Amino acid sequence: MIGTFHSVWGWVVIGVDLAAGLYGIGLSVFRRRPGIVFRFAMATAIAVSLLQVAAGLILYGSGERPGGFHLFYGVLIMIAVAFGYVYRTEMNKKNPALRWGLFALFLMGLGLRAIMTFAT
């Protein structure tokens, strides 16, 4: 059951990260300040990414072995979110919509790589 969730939720995470990233870049291009909706979109993108990593950790703990690189990209997602948290004040200083939008797209790229390296 959790394996199916992890497989399907991976694509949900990629879609949410893509939407939040494009929204942030769009705000930056049109020179609009990020408001509560953008903060909610980014919080959702980060939360669904961490939920996906947690599901992967549960699967790993139950004995599933997806392949080294799949695991590597899952760990990178955790590290990226940690760096985003640590540097959040820097990210909010100048053009925060662009910075957070690129961060969401980076998370999306890591998720895509994780899917592409499953069982290799």
C-alpha atoms as a PDB file:
ATOM      1  CA  MET A   1       0.000   0.000   0.000  1.00  0.00           C
ATOM      2  CA  ILE A   2       2.704   2.514   0.951  1.00  0.00           C
ATOM      3  CA  GLY A   3       4.647   1.463  -2.161  1.00  0.00           C
ATOM      4  CA  THR A   4       1.731   2.427  -4.399  1.00  0.00           C
ATOM      5  CA  PHE A   5       1.337   5.707  -2.535  1.00  0.00           C
ATOM      6  CA  HIS A   6       5.046   6.429  -2.962  1.00  0.00           C
ATOM      7  CA  SER A   7       4.890   5.692  -6.691  1.00  0.00           C
ATOM      8  CA  VAL A   8       1.808   7.807  -7.378  1.00  0.00           C
ATOM      9  CA  TRP A   9       2.678  10.587  -4.937  1.00  0.00           C
ATOM     10  CA  GLY A  10       6.019  11.088  -6.697  1.00  0.00           C
ATOM     11  CA  TRP A  11       4.192  12.469  -9.718  1.00  0.00           C
ATOM     12  CA  VAL A  12       1.957  14.612  -7.498  1.00  0.00           C
ATOM     13  CA  VAL A  13       5.066  16.090  -5.876  1.00  0.00           C
ATOM     14  CA  ILE A  14       6.578  16.876  -9.269  1.00  0.00           C
ATOM     15  CA  GLY A  15       3.370  18.613 -10.372  1.00  0.00           C
ATOM     16  CA  VAL A  16       3.077  20.666  -7.183  1.00  0.00           C
ATOM     17  CA  ASP A  17       6.756  21.659  -7.304  1.00  0.00           C
ATOM     18  CA  LEU A  18       6.399  22.624 -10.975  1.00  0.00           C
ATOM     19  CA  ALA A  19       3.312  24.748 -10.293  1.00  0.00           C
ATOM     20  CA  ALA A  20       4.925  26.534  -7.332  1.00  0.00           C
ATOM     21  CA  GLY A  21       8.146  27.100  -9.278  1.00  0.00           C
ATOM     22  CA  LEU A  22       6.426  28.524 -12.329  1.00  0.00           C
ATOM     23  CA  TYR A  23       4.219  30.676 -10.116  1.00  0.00           C
ATOM     24  CA  GLY A  24       7.287  32.145  -8.412  1.00  0.00           C
ATOM     25  CA  ILE A  25       9.054  32.807 -11.692  1.00  0.00           C
ATOM     26  CA  GLY A  26       5.879  34.360 -13.094  1.00  0.00           C
ATOM     27  CA  LEU A  27       5.631  36.684 -10.108  1.00  0.00           C
ATOM     28  CA  SER A  28       9.233  37.693 -10.668  1.00  0.00           C
ATOM     29  CA  VAL A  29       8.812  38.283 -14.395  1.00  0.00           C
ATOM     30  CA  PHE A  30       5.748  40.463 -13.845  1.00  0.00           C
ATOM     31  CA  ARG A  31       7.463  42.223 -10.923  1.00  0.00           C
ATOM     32  CA  ARG A  32       4.832  41.321  -8.371  1.00  0.00           C
ATOM     33  CA  ARG A  33       5.571  40.772  -4.720  1.00  0.00           C
ATOM     34  CA  PRO A  34       4.886  37.291  -3.404  1.00  0.00           C
ATOM     35  CA  GLY A  35       1.879  37.228  -1.135  1.00  0.00           C
ATOM     36  CA  ILE A  36       0.163  34.707   1.063  1.00  0.00           C
ATOM     37  CA  VAL A  37      -0.884  32.561  -1.900  1.00  0.00           C
ATOM     38  CA  PHE A  38       2.715  32.130  -3.017  1.00  0.00           C
ATOM     39  CA  ARG A  39       3.860  31.367   0.518  1.00  0.00           C
ATOM     40  CA  PHE A  40       1.121  28.741   0.744  1.00  0.00           C
ATOM     41  CA  ALA A  41       2.185  27.274  -2.622  1.00  0.00           C
ATOM     42  CA  MET A  42       5.809  27.016  -1.488  1.00  0.00           C
ATOM     43  CA  ALA A  43       4.842  25.548   1.875  1.00  0.00           C
ATOM     44  CA  THR A  44       2.721  22.974   0.065  1.00  0.00           C
ATOM     45  CA  ALA A  45       5.557  22.131  -2.348  1.00  0.00           C
ATOM     46  CA  ILE A  46       7.985  21.615   0.517  1.00  0.00           C
ATOM     47  CA  ALA A  47       5.472  19.655   2.607  1.00  0.00           C
ATOM     48  CA  VAL A  48       4.555  17.237  -0.189  1.00  0.00           C
ATOM     49  CA  SER A  49       8.249  16.735  -0.971  1.00  0.00           C
ATOM     50  CA  LEU A  50       8.990  15.868   2.650  1.00  0.00           C
ATOM     51  CA  LEU A  51       5.953  13.584   2.811  1.00  0.00           C
ATOM     52  CA  GLN A  52       7.288  11.729  -0.219  1.00  0.00           C
ATOM     53  CA  VAL A  53      10.707  11.359   1.387  1.00  0.00           C
ATOM     54  CA  ALA A  54       9.060  10.106   4.597  1.00  0.00           C
ATOM     55  CA  ALA A  55       7.137   7.475   2.623  1.00  0.00           C
ATOM     56  CA  GLY A  56      10.396   6.420   0.997  1.00  0.00           C
ATOM     57  CA  LEU A  57      12.060   6.119   4.394  1.00  0.00           C
ATOM     58  CA  ILE A  58       9.206   3.960   5.645  1.00  0.00           C
ATOM     59  CA  LEU A  59       9.599   1.715   2.600  1.00  0.00           C
ATOM     60  CA  TYR A  60      13.348   1.526   3.116  1.00  0.00           C
ATOM     61  CA  GLY A  61      12.827   0.628   6.764  1.00  0.00           C
ATOM     62  CA  SER A  62      10.465  -2.165   5.762  1.00  0.00           C
ATOM     63  CA  GLY A  63      13.127  -3.770   3.571  1.00  0.00           C
ATOM     64  CA  GLU A  64      12.510  -2.278   0.122  1.00  0.00           C
ATOM     65  CA  ARG A  65      15.727  -1.487  -1.748  1.00  0.00           C
ATOM     66  CA  PRO A  66      15.028   0.821  -4.714  1.00  0.00           C
ATOM     67  CA  GLY A  67      18.579   1.197  -5.988  1.00  0.00           C
ATOM     68  CA  GLY A  68      21.405   3.431  -4.891  1.00  0.00           C
ATOM     69  CA  PHE A  69      20.737   6.467  -7.028  1.00  0.00           C
ATOM     70  CA  HIS A  70      17.028   6.549  -6.233  1.00  0.00           C
ATOM     71  CA  LEU A  71      17.933   6.649  -2.560  1.00  0.00           C
ATOM     72  CA  PHE A  72      20.632   9.253  -3.256  1.00  0.00           C
ATOM     73  CA  TYR A  73      18.145  11.658  -4.845  1.00  0.00           C
ATOM     74  CA  GLY A  74      15.713  11.166  -1.969  1.00  0.00           C
ATOM     75  CA  VAL A  75      18.450  12.125   0.470  1.00  0.00           C
ATOM     76  CA  LEU A  76      19.335  15.132  -1.710  1.00  0.00           C
ATOM     77  CA  ILE A  77      15.741  16.328  -1.478  1.00  0.00           C
ATOM     78  CA  MET A  78      15.973  16.217   2.325  1.00  0.00           C
ATOM     79  CA  ILE A  79      19.285  18.084   2.269  1.00  0.00           C
ATOM     80  CA  ALA A  80      17.955  20.690  -0.190  1.00  0.00           C
ATOM     81  CA  VAL A  81      14.942  21.385   2.020  1.00  0.00           C
ATOM     82  CA  ALA A  82      17.251  21.718   5.026  1.00  0.00           C
ATOM     83  CA  PHE A  83      19.423  24.221   3.131  1.00  0.00           C
ATOM     84  CA  GLY A  84      16.314  26.116   2.059  1.00  0.00           C
ATOM     85  CA  TYR A  85      15.303  26.366   5.695  1.00  0.00           C
ATOM     86  CA  VAL A  86      18.747  27.469   6.847  1.00  0.00           C
ATOM     87  CA  TYR A  87      19.066  30.121   4.117  1.00  0.00           C
ATOM     88  CA  ARG A  88      15.445  31.284   4.160  1.00  0.00           C
ATOM     89  CA  THR A  89      16.347  34.807   5.321  1.00  0.00           C
ATOM     90  CA  GLU A  90      18.823  35.178   2.442  1.00  0.00           C
ATOM     91  CA  MET A  91      16.254  33.846  -0.007  1.00  0.00           C
ATOM     92  CA  ASN A  92      13.727  36.427   1.193  1.00  0.00           C
ATOM     93  CA  LYS A  93      16.009  39.458   0.798  1.00  0.00           C
ATOM     94  CA  LYS A  94      16.142  40.226  -2.923  1.00  0.00           C
ATOM     95  CA  ASN A  95      13.611  38.916  -5.438  1.00  0.00           C
ATOM     96  CA  PRO A  96      12.236  36.165  -3.195  1.00  0.00           C
ATOM     97  CA  ALA A  97       9.684  34.941  -5.744  1.00  0.00           C
ATOM     98  CA  LEU A  98      12.424  34.112  -8.231  1.00  0.00           C
ATOM     99  CA  ARG A  99      14.662  32.451  -5.648  1.00  0.00           C
ATOM    100  CA  TRP A 100      11.897  30.334  -4.132  1.00  0.00           C
ATOM    101  CA  GLY A 101      10.507  29.545  -7.582  1.00  0.00           C
ATOM    102  CA  LEU A 102      13.895  28.251  -8.698  1.00  0.00           C
ATOM    103  CA  PHE A 103      14.158  26.301  -5.465  1.00  0.00           C
ATOM    104  CA  ALA A 104      10.823  24.599  -6.188  1.00  0.00           C
ATOM    105  CA  LEU A 105      11.973  23.761  -9.716  1.00  0.00           C
ATOM    106  CA  PHE A 106      15.192  22.336  -8.267  1.00  0.00           C
ATOM    107  CA  LEU A 107      13.140  20.088  -5.988  1.00  0.00           C
ATOM    108  CA  MET A 108      11.098  19.059  -9.007  1.00  0.00           C
ATOM    109  CA  GLY A 109      14.267  18.158 -10.904  1.00  0.00           C
ATOM    110  CA  LEU A 110      15.525  16.055  -8.015  1.00  0.00           C
ATOM    111  CA  GLY A 111      12.174  14.279  -7.920  1.00  0.00           C
ATOM    112  CA  LEU A 112      12.318  13.569 -11.643  1.00  0.00           C
ATOM    113  CA  ARG A 113      15.825  12.171 -11.300  1.00  0.00           C
ATOM    114  CA  ALA A 114      14.680   9.995  -8.411  1.00  0.00           C
ATOM    115  CA  ILE A 115      11.892   8.554 -10.553  1.00  0.00           C
ATOM    116  CA  MET A 116      14.197   7.997 -13.511  1.00  0.00           C
ATOM    117  CA  THR A 117      16.765   6.150 -11.386  1.00  0.00           C
ATOM    118  CA  PHE A 118      14.309   3.813  -9.654  1.00  0.00           C
ATOM    119  CA  ALA A 119      15.707   0.250  -9.446  1.00  0.00           C
ATOM    120  CA  THR A 120      18.941   1.009 -11.272  1.00  0.00           C
END
